[in-house]
């Protein structure tokens, strides 16, 4: 299922990167992804303020305690959702 970008501030992006880094360094995240784009493009027909960035991410957490779970940044398109 395709994932939408979330619109976040640069401070929020930094927090997301710090969280991923923390879990990787602790041996608590075995896989993940992150994609972010500057705001000078009009991706998915969204106007983004110049002090924000578009980001989508997913990373595993809790792997050191067993199966763990996933954290996602950005919603997913549902069957009834339109790509905007």
C-alpha atoms as a PDB file:
ATOM      1  CA  UNK A   1       0.000   0.000   0.000  1.00  0.00           C
ATOM      2  CA  UNK A   2       1.550   3.359  -0.977  1.00  0.00           C
ATOM      3  CA  UNK A   3       2.537   5.708   1.822  1.00  0.00           C
ATOM      4  CA  UNK A   4       1.857   9.446   1.855  1.00  0.00           C
ATOM      5  CA  UNK A   5       4.421  12.010   2.894  1.00  0.00           C
ATOM      6  CA  UNK A   6       3.914  13.710   6.252  1.00  0.00           C
ATOM      7  CA  UNK A   7       4.654  17.430   6.380  1.00  0.00           C
ATOM      8  CA  UNK A   8       6.934  18.168   9.335  1.00  0.00           C
ATOM      9  CA  UNK A   9       9.252  20.891  10.560  1.00  0.00           C
ATOM     10  CA  UNK A  10      12.991  20.429  10.320  1.00  0.00           C
ATOM     11  CA  UNK A  11      13.063  20.005  14.120  1.00  0.00           C
ATOM     12  CA  UNK A  12      10.548  17.152  13.852  1.00  0.00           C
ATOM     13  CA  UNK A  13      12.629  15.549  11.083  1.00  0.00           C
ATOM     14  CA  UNK A  14      15.669  15.767  13.346  1.00  0.00           C
ATOM     15  CA  UNK A  15      13.700  14.029  16.134  1.00  0.00           C
ATOM     16  CA  UNK A  16      12.660  11.239  13.749  1.00  0.00           C
ATOM     17  CA  UNK A  17      16.283  10.726  12.666  1.00  0.00           C
ATOM     18  CA  UNK A  18      17.414  10.756  16.324  1.00  0.00           C
ATOM     19  CA  UNK A  19      14.824   8.123  17.226  1.00  0.00           C
ATOM     20  CA  UNK A  20      15.922   5.864  14.367  1.00  0.00           C
ATOM     21  CA  UNK A  21      19.579   6.364  15.317  1.00  0.00           C
ATOM     22  CA  UNK A  22      18.857   5.570  18.975  1.00  0.00           C
ATOM     23  CA  UNK A  23      17.107   2.289  18.149  1.00  0.00           C
ATOM     24  CA  UNK A  24      19.788   1.218  15.648  1.00  0.00           C
ATOM     25  CA  UNK A  25      22.637   1.984  18.075  1.00  0.00           C
ATOM     26  CA  UNK A  26      20.835   0.059  20.832  1.00  0.00           C
ATOM     27  CA  UNK A  27      20.494  -2.993  18.578  1.00  0.00           C
ATOM     28  CA  UNK A  28      16.741  -2.591  18.799  1.00  0.00           C
ATOM     29  CA  UNK A  29      15.944  -1.934  15.109  1.00  0.00           C
ATOM     30  CA  UNK A  30      16.873  -4.410  12.407  1.00  0.00           C
ATOM     31  CA  UNK A  31      15.314  -2.695   9.386  1.00  0.00           C
ATOM     32  CA  UNK A  32      13.655   0.478   8.202  1.00  0.00           C
ATOM     33  CA  UNK A  33      13.523   3.236   5.636  1.00  0.00           C
ATOM     34  CA  UNK A  34      13.254   7.001   5.472  1.00  0.00           C
ATOM     35  CA  UNK A  35      12.633   9.348   2.578  1.00  0.00           C
ATOM     36  CA  UNK A  36      12.454  13.096   2.809  1.00  0.00           C
ATOM     37  CA  UNK A  37      12.164  15.805   0.213  1.00  0.00           C
ATOM     38  CA  UNK A  38      12.859  19.499   0.154  1.00  0.00           C
ATOM     39  CA  UNK A  39       9.877  21.769  -0.082  1.00  0.00           C
ATOM     40  CA  UNK A  40      10.826  23.407  -3.376  1.00  0.00           C
ATOM     41  CA  UNK A  41       8.956  20.676  -5.244  1.00  0.00           C
ATOM     42  CA  UNK A  42       5.204  20.164  -5.427  1.00  0.00           C
ATOM     43  CA  UNK A  43       5.015  16.446  -4.622  1.00  0.00           C
ATOM     44  CA  UNK A  44       1.581  14.867  -4.507  1.00  0.00           C
ATOM     45  CA  UNK A  45       0.080  18.286  -5.371  1.00  0.00           C
ATOM     46  CA  UNK A  46       0.674  19.584  -1.839  1.00  0.00           C
ATOM     47  CA  UNK A  47       1.874  23.084  -1.121  1.00  0.00           C
ATOM     48  CA  UNK A  48       4.411  22.852   1.678  1.00  0.00           C
ATOM     49  CA  UNK A  49       5.610  25.824   3.752  1.00  0.00           C
ATOM     50  CA  UNK A  50       9.277  26.671   3.143  1.00  0.00           C
ATOM     51  CA  UNK A  51      10.170  25.907   6.773  1.00  0.00           C
ATOM     52  CA  UNK A  52       8.870  22.340   6.495  1.00  0.00           C
ATOM     53  CA  UNK A  53       9.965  19.130   4.816  1.00  0.00           C
ATOM     54  CA  UNK A  54       8.036  16.144   3.490  1.00  0.00           C
ATOM     55  CA  UNK A  55       8.970  12.812   5.060  1.00  0.00           C
ATOM     56  CA  UNK A  56       7.799   9.212   5.082  1.00  0.00           C
ATOM     57  CA  UNK A  57       9.456   6.537   7.131  1.00  0.00           C
ATOM     58  CA  UNK A  58       9.011   3.179   8.751  1.00  0.00           C
ATOM     59  CA  UNK A  59      11.352   1.453  11.156  1.00  0.00           C
ATOM     60  CA  UNK A  60      11.249  -1.537  13.433  1.00  0.00           C
ATOM     61  CA  UNK A  61      11.516  -1.097  17.186  1.00  0.00           C
ATOM     62  CA  UNK A  62      11.583  -3.599  20.012  1.00  0.00           C
ATOM     63  CA  UNK A  63      13.622  -6.194  18.114  1.00  0.00           C
ATOM     64  CA  UNK A  64      15.899  -6.693  21.132  1.00  0.00           C
ATOM     65  CA  UNK A  65      12.852  -7.956  23.066  1.00  0.00           C
ATOM     66  CA  UNK A  66      11.534 -10.289  20.379  1.00  0.00           C
ATOM     67  CA  UNK A  67       9.470  -9.586  17.302  1.00  0.00           C
ATOM     68  CA  UNK A  68       8.883  -5.914  18.145  1.00  0.00           C
ATOM     69  CA  UNK A  69       6.759  -3.603  16.049  1.00  0.00           C
ATOM     70  CA  UNK A  70       6.909  -0.841  13.453  1.00  0.00           C
ATOM     71  CA  UNK A  71       6.774   2.929  13.736  1.00  0.00           C
ATOM     72  CA  UNK A  72       5.565   4.833  10.686  1.00  0.00           C
ATOM     73  CA  UNK A  73       5.723   8.490   9.708  1.00  0.00           C
ATOM     74  CA  UNK A  74       3.106   9.344   7.076  1.00  0.00           C
ATOM     75  CA  UNK A  75      -0.311   7.815   6.481  1.00  0.00           C
ATOM     76  CA  UNK A  76      -1.083   5.099   3.977  1.00  0.00           C
ATOM     77  CA  UNK A  77      -3.504   5.337   1.077  1.00  0.00           C
ATOM     78  CA  UNK A  78      -6.508   3.142   1.723  1.00  0.00           C
ATOM     79  CA  UNK A  79      -8.636   1.507  -0.906  1.00  0.00           C
ATOM     80  CA  UNK A  80     -11.112   4.381  -0.661  1.00  0.00           C
ATOM     81  CA  UNK A  81      -8.452   7.116  -0.427  1.00  0.00           C
ATOM     82  CA  UNK A  82      -7.609   9.358  -3.306  1.00  0.00           C
ATOM     83  CA  UNK A  83      -4.020  10.231  -4.031  1.00  0.00           C
ATOM     84  CA  UNK A  84      -3.889  13.977  -3.641  1.00  0.00           C
END
